[in-house]
Amino acid sequence: MPASASIPATLPPCDAWPVLAADGARAEVLLQRPVGQPLQLIYWLPALGVAARHYLPLAQAMAAQGVAVAIHEWRGIGSSDRRASRHEDWGYRELLEGDLPAGIAVARAHVPRVPMYFGGHSLGGQIAALYASLHPRDAAGLLLVASGAPFWKQFPQRGLLWLAYAAAPWLARMVGYLPGRKIGFGGNEARQLIDDWACTGRTGRYAAVGMDVDFEATLHQLTLPAIGFRMESDWLVPPGSLSWLLQKMPQAPHVQQVVTAAELGIEKADHFSWMKAPDAVAMHIAQWLKTQAT
């Protein structure tokens, strides 16, 4: 996982603001401001198992474009006071109903009166889309970077993925949590979170245990503009994966862009390597944001 870069001297320091969810869970949201009044605010959701601090280079690159970025911290990692275990469990419901509203409220309190976009990487992009479908008036648009639905039929490795979506929840129940650090996938993840994620992987449909919401319907009704960036060598998000997610939002005007290694200035543009050199991604996002402002 890429290390955090030092903050350029020309930008204000990154602030860490405390967030308290309704059930008492605590974490911090990182807020990187630009110099002067921001043009927009992005509320950014990390990939599964990735701490918020790893997106500081992206936040700094966006701040150089005049955009403020608030980086959410997932429950169970980084500054969160919770850790997945046999006695600590949560799923999409806790994220969507508790953690995200609390974090977004903090970010909005510090950066009011500018358009706010929900964005995310990998699972973060999926959860951002689900949250936007529940609260469409809270956002001006949706940013998806290296993100797509995990539906097994959209991947070349179909059989292996279906087995993984069956095995991961089983392993999480046996251990009490998914030992992602040991198996090389995500972090140590809560059982219900893995169950919710794997269910989408098997069925291609979004649902959250404990929430009486038809996400397929709410996504279908979403009209917010969206952009999806796919890394050219990202086997975790092949073209069909991003398209499957975007086609769930047929009323949302959207575009797709492929980001190449040459643009990033690195050897390979894959699921995580772009985080080490996010300037090109930030430039593309800023260009798209300008089209939304006109």
Protein backbone atom coordinates (compact mmCIF):
# COMPACT_ATOMS: atom_id res chain seq x y z
CA MET A 1 0.00 0.00 0.00
CA PRO A 2 1.40 3.41 -0.89
CA ALA A 3 2.78 5.59 1.85
CA SER A 4 1.43 9.08 2.47
CA ALA A 5 3.26 11.89 0.75
CA SER A 6 4.41 15.01 2.52
CA ILE A 7 2.04 17.96 2.25
CA PRO A 8 3.21 20.65 -0.19
CA ALA A 9 4.18 23.84 1.59
CA THR A 10 1.82 25.89 -0.56
CA LEU A 11 -1.28 24.10 0.76
CA PRO A 12 -2.90 24.47 4.18
CA PRO A 13 -2.17 21.56 6.53
CA CYS A 14 -4.57 18.64 6.48
CA ASP A 15 -7.03 18.74 9.40
CA ALA A 16 -8.28 15.65 11.25
CA TRP A 17 -11.78 16.22 12.64
CA PRO A 18 -13.43 13.82 15.10
CA VAL A 19 -16.56 11.99 13.98
CA LEU A 20 -19.05 10.33 16.32
CA ALA A 21 -21.60 7.92 14.83
CA ALA A 22 -25.05 7.40 16.37
CA ASP A 23 -23.99 4.10 17.96
CA GLY A 24 -20.92 5.64 19.61
CA ALA A 25 -18.31 4.57 17.05
CA ARG A 26 -15.51 7.12 16.72
CA ALA A 27 -13.13 7.95 13.89
CA GLU A 28 -11.63 10.97 12.15
CA VAL A 29 -12.34 12.56 8.81
CA LEU A 30 -9.31 14.08 7.10
CA LEU A 31 -9.95 17.43 5.44
CA GLN A 32 -7.55 18.90 2.90
CA ARG A 33 -8.41 22.45 1.86
CA PRO A 34 -7.03 24.35 -1.11
CA VAL A 35 -5.50 27.78 -0.89
CA GLY A 36 -8.42 30.20 -0.68
CA GLN A 37 -12.11 29.41 -1.01
CA PRO A 38 -12.73 25.92 -2.46
CA LEU A 39 -14.70 25.55 -5.67
CA GLN A 40 -16.18 22.19 -4.67
CA LEU A 41 -16.00 19.62 -1.89
CA ILE A 42 -15.42 15.91 -2.52
CA TYR A 43 -16.38 13.47 0.19
CA TRP A 44 -14.08 10.53 -0.54
CA LEU A 45 -14.56 6.89 0.47
CA PRO A 46 -11.50 4.59 0.50
CA ALA A 47 -11.18 1.09 -0.88
CA LEU A 48 -11.80 -1.89 1.37
CA GLY A 49 -9.07 -2.17 4.01
CA VAL A 50 -7.32 1.09 3.04
CA ALA A 51 -6.85 3.76 5.70
CA ALA A 52 -7.85 7.35 4.93
CA ARG A 53 -4.30 8.68 5.16
CA HIS A 54 -3.29 6.81 2.00
CA TYR A 55 -5.44 9.19 -0.06
CA LEU A 56 -3.67 12.33 1.09
CA PRO A 57 -1.69 12.54 -2.19
CA LEU A 58 -4.98 12.54 -4.12
CA ALA A 59 -6.48 15.11 -1.75
CA GLN A 60 -3.44 17.34 -2.15
CA ALA A 61 -3.56 17.03 -5.93
CA MET A 62 -7.23 17.99 -5.89
CA ALA A 63 -6.54 20.89 -3.53
CA ALA A 64 -3.98 22.17 -6.03
CA GLN A 65 -6.94 22.32 -8.46
CA GLY A 66 -8.97 24.37 -5.97
CA VAL A 67 -11.09 21.48 -4.65
CA ALA A 68 -11.44 20.55 -0.96
CA VAL A 69 -11.39 16.82 -0.15
CA ALA A 70 -12.74 15.17 2.99
CA ILE A 71 -11.50 11.58 3.36
CA HIS A 72 -13.73 9.18 5.24
CA GLU A 73 -12.26 6.56 7.60
CA TRP A 74 -13.85 3.14 7.42
CA ARG A 75 -15.07 1.57 10.62
CA GLY A 76 -12.46 -0.97 11.71
CA ILE A 77 -9.32 0.66 10.33
CA GLY A 78 -6.99 3.60 10.87
CA SER A 79 -8.39 6.18 13.28
CA SER A 80 -11.55 4.13 13.93
CA ASP A 81 -11.95 2.97 17.53
CA ARG A 82 -13.55 -0.30 16.37
CA ARG A 83 -11.87 -3.46 15.16
CA ALA A 84 -13.64 -6.40 13.56
CA SER A 85 -13.77 -9.45 15.81
CA ARG A 86 -16.12 -12.18 16.93
CA HIS A 87 -17.63 -9.62 19.32
CA GLU A 88 -17.56 -6.58 16.97
CA ASP A 89 -19.54 -6.88 13.76
CA TRP A 90 -21.11 -4.49 11.26
CA GLY A 91 -22.23 -4.32 7.65
CA TYR A 92 -23.40 -1.89 5.01
CA ARG A 93 -26.24 -0.75 7.28
CA GLU A 94 -23.91 0.69 9.93
CA LEU A 95 -21.84 2.43 7.26
CA LEU A 96 -24.81 3.91 5.40
CA GLU A 97 -27.01 4.80 8.36
CA GLY A 98 -24.40 5.76 10.95
CA ASP A 99 -20.84 6.42 9.86
CA LEU A 100 -21.38 8.23 6.56
CA PRO A 101 -24.04 10.70 7.75
CA ALA A 102 -21.84 11.62 10.72
CA GLY A 103 -18.70 12.08 8.62
CA ILE A 104 -20.47 14.05 5.90
CA ALA A 105 -22.05 16.35 8.50
CA VAL A 106 -18.60 17.15 9.92
CA ALA A 107 -17.16 17.84 6.46
CA ARG A 108 -20.12 20.04 5.55
CA ALA A 109 -19.81 22.00 8.78
CA HIS A 110 -16.25 22.97 7.84
CA VAL A 111 -16.81 23.45 4.10
CA PRO A 112 -20.35 24.82 3.59
CA ARG A 113 -21.99 26.50 0.61
CA VAL A 114 -20.05 24.79 -2.20
CA PRO A 115 -21.23 21.86 -4.35
CA MET A 116 -20.39 18.51 -2.75
CA TYR A 117 -19.60 15.39 -4.73
CA PHE A 118 -19.48 11.85 -3.38
CA GLY A 119 -16.52 9.85 -4.62
CA GLY A 120 -14.67 6.68 -3.90
CA HIS A 121 -12.18 3.99 -4.82
CA SER A 122 -13.24 0.36 -5.32
CA LEU A 123 -15.78 -0.55 -2.61
CA GLY A 124 -15.75 3.13 -1.65
CA GLY A 125 -17.20 4.05 -5.02
CA GLN A 126 -19.94 1.45 -4.66
CA ILE A 127 -20.91 2.66 -1.19
CA ALA A 128 -20.79 6.27 -2.42
CA ALA A 129 -23.29 5.33 -5.15
CA LEU A 130 -25.57 3.59 -2.65
CA TYR A 131 -25.46 6.57 -0.28
CA ALA A 132 -26.10 9.00 -3.13
CA SER A 133 -29.13 6.94 -4.17
CA LEU A 134 -30.53 7.34 -0.64
CA HIS A 135 -29.65 11.05 -0.33
CA PRO A 136 -29.58 12.47 -3.88
CA ARG A 137 -30.17 16.04 -2.70
CA ASP A 138 -26.98 15.97 -0.64
CA ALA A 139 -24.66 15.63 -3.63
CA ALA A 140 -24.00 17.34 -6.95
CA GLY A 141 -22.51 14.25 -8.59
CA LEU A 142 -20.66 10.97 -8.25
CA LEU A 143 -16.99 10.12 -8.84
CA LEU A 144 -15.91 6.48 -9.27
CA VAL A 145 -12.19 5.69 -9.47
CA ALA A 146 -11.09 2.09 -10.05
CA SER A 147 -14.55 1.07 -8.91
CA GLY A 148 -17.21 -1.25 -10.23
CA ALA A 149 -19.74 -3.85 -9.15
CA PRO A 150 -18.12 -7.16 -8.10
CA PHE A 151 -20.66 -9.33 -10.00
CA TRP A 152 -18.83 -12.54 -10.89
CA LYS A 153 -20.25 -12.76 -14.43
CA GLN A 154 -18.46 -9.52 -15.40
CA PHE A 155 -14.98 -10.94 -14.74
CA PRO A 156 -12.79 -13.24 -16.84
CA GLN A 157 -12.09 -15.36 -13.72
CA ARG A 158 -15.76 -16.28 -13.33
CA GLY A 159 -15.54 -19.64 -11.57
CA LEU A 160 -12.79 -18.62 -9.18
CA LEU A 161 -14.65 -15.48 -8.19
CA TRP A 162 -17.90 -17.30 -7.50
CA LEU A 163 -16.00 -19.66 -5.19
CA ALA A 164 -14.37 -16.69 -3.48
CA TYR A 165 -17.77 -15.08 -2.87
CA ALA A 166 -18.96 -18.31 -1.30
CA ALA A 167 -15.78 -18.95 0.71
CA ALA A 168 -15.17 -15.46 2.13
CA PRO A 169 -18.38 -15.28 4.25
CA TRP A 170 -17.80 -18.85 5.44
CA LEU A 171 -14.24 -18.02 6.51
CA ALA A 172 -15.41 -14.83 8.23
CA ARG A 173 -18.01 -16.77 10.22
CA MET A 174 -15.46 -19.44 11.20
CA VAL A 175 -12.80 -16.96 12.39
CA GLY A 176 -15.22 -14.28 13.62
CA TYR A 177 -14.03 -11.81 10.97
CA LEU A 178 -12.35 -12.01 7.58
CA PRO A 179 -8.56 -12.19 8.21
CA GLY A 180 -7.80 -10.08 5.19
CA ARG A 181 -4.30 -9.16 6.31
CA LYS A 182 -3.37 -12.84 6.28
CA ILE A 183 -5.06 -13.82 3.01
CA GLY A 184 -4.02 -10.67 1.13
CA PHE A 185 -7.45 -9.15 0.54
CA GLY A 186 -8.60 -6.00 2.30
CA GLY A 187 -8.04 -5.60 6.01
CA ASN A 188 -9.50 -7.58 8.88
CA GLU A 189 -13.12 -7.16 7.85
CA ALA A 190 -16.39 -7.59 9.73
CA ARG A 191 -18.52 -10.65 9.00
CA GLN A 192 -21.66 -8.82 7.91
CA LEU A 193 -19.69 -6.42 5.71
CA ILE A 194 -18.19 -9.37 3.85
CA ASP A 195 -21.62 -11.03 3.66
CA ASP A 196 -23.17 -7.90 2.09
CA TRP A 197 -20.28 -7.53 -0.37
CA ALA A 198 -20.24 -11.20 -1.34
CA CYS A 199 -23.99 -11.19 -1.89
CA THR A 200 -23.54 -8.54 -4.60
CA GLY A 201 -20.69 -10.57 -6.03
CA ARG A 202 -22.91 -13.63 -6.39
CA THR A 203 -26.16 -11.97 -7.49
CA GLY A 204 -25.11 -8.70 -9.11
CA ARG A 205 -27.65 -6.86 -6.92
CA TYR A 206 -27.06 -4.51 -3.98
CA ALA A 207 -28.68 -5.12 -0.61
CA ALA A 208 -27.86 -4.45 3.03
CA VAL A 209 -28.98 -6.76 5.80
CA GLY A 210 -31.11 -4.80 8.29
CA MET A 211 -32.13 -2.13 5.76
CA ASP A 212 -35.57 -2.31 4.17
CA VAL A 213 -34.35 -0.60 0.99
CA ASP A 214 -34.51 -1.71 -2.63
CA PHE A 215 -31.16 -0.34 -3.75
CA GLU A 216 -31.76 -1.48 -7.30
CA ALA A 217 -34.78 0.86 -7.38
CA THR A 218 -33.05 3.79 -5.68
CA LEU A 219 -30.06 3.51 -8.01
CA HIS A 220 -32.40 3.34 -11.00
CA GLN A 221 -34.03 6.61 -9.92
CA LEU A 222 -30.73 8.46 -9.39
CA THR A 223 -30.27 11.38 -11.77
CA LEU A 224 -26.95 12.78 -10.50
CA PRO A 225 -24.15 13.09 -13.09
CA ALA A 226 -21.41 10.49 -12.68
CA ILE A 227 -17.97 9.74 -14.05
CA GLY A 228 -16.12 6.45 -13.84
CA PHE A 229 -12.35 6.11 -14.23
CA ARG A 230 -10.98 2.65 -15.03
CA MET A 231 -7.27 1.88 -14.82
CA GLU A 232 -6.08 0.19 -18.00
CA SER A 233 -4.42 -2.78 -16.19
CA ASP A 234 -6.92 -3.17 -13.34
CA TRP A 235 -8.00 -6.82 -13.23
CA LEU A 236 -10.08 -6.10 -10.13
CA VAL A 237 -12.27 -3.71 -12.15
CA PRO A 238 -12.53 -4.95 -15.75
CA PRO A 239 -14.70 -2.98 -18.21
CA GLY A 240 -17.80 -5.05 -17.48
CA SER A 241 -17.55 -4.38 -13.75
CA LEU A 242 -17.67 -0.59 -14.11
CA SER A 243 -20.36 -0.80 -16.79
CA TRP A 244 -22.51 -3.07 -14.59
CA LEU A 245 -22.42 -0.48 -11.81
CA LEU A 246 -23.14 2.48 -14.09
CA GLN A 247 -25.98 0.75 -15.93
CA LYS A 248 -27.81 0.48 -12.61
CA MET A 249 -28.17 4.28 -12.87
CA PRO A 250 -29.69 4.70 -16.36
CA GLN A 251 -31.13 8.14 -15.56
CA ALA A 252 -27.77 9.45 -14.32
CA PRO A 253 -25.80 11.04 -17.17
CA HIS A 254 -22.42 9.38 -17.01
CA VAL A 255 -19.12 9.00 -18.83
CA GLN A 256 -16.28 6.52 -18.58
CA GLN A 257 -12.57 7.20 -19.00
CA VAL A 258 -9.61 4.84 -19.11
CA VAL A 259 -6.48 6.05 -17.32
CA THR A 260 -3.19 4.77 -18.75
CA ALA A 261 0.20 4.17 -17.19
CA ALA A 262 1.67 6.78 -19.52
CA GLU A 263 -0.72 9.40 -18.15
CA LEU A 264 0.15 8.48 -14.59
CA GLY A 265 3.88 8.36 -15.33
CA ILE A 266 4.25 4.89 -13.77
CA GLU A 267 4.97 1.40 -15.08
CA LYS A 268 1.46 -0.03 -14.68
CA ALA A 269 -1.97 1.50 -14.10
CA ASP A 270 -3.68 -1.00 -11.83
CA HIS A 271 -6.08 -1.01 -8.89
CA PHE A 272 -3.70 0.60 -6.37
CA SER A 273 -0.66 1.95 -8.23
CA TRP A 274 -2.48 5.14 -9.32
CA MET A 275 -2.58 6.19 -5.66
CA LYS A 276 1.19 6.73 -5.78
CA ALA A 277 0.89 9.19 -8.66
CA PRO A 278 -2.64 10.64 -8.61
CA ASP A 279 -1.98 13.92 -10.43
CA ALA A 280 -3.48 12.73 -13.75
CA VAL A 281 -6.57 11.38 -12.00
CA ALA A 282 -6.95 14.66 -10.12
CA MET A 283 -6.61 16.62 -13.37
CA HIS A 284 -9.31 14.51 -15.07
CA ILE A 285 -11.63 14.92 -12.07
CA ALA A 286 -11.06 18.69 -12.02
CA GLN A 287 -11.78 18.93 -15.77
CA TRP A 288 -15.04 17.03 -15.31
CA LEU A 289 -16.02 19.17 -12.34
CA LYS A 290 -15.56 22.27 -14.50
CA THR A 291 -18.00 20.87 -17.05
CA GLN A 292 -20.56 20.42 -14.26
CA ALA A 293 -20.16 24.04 -13.16
CA THR A 294 -21.02 25.45 -16.59
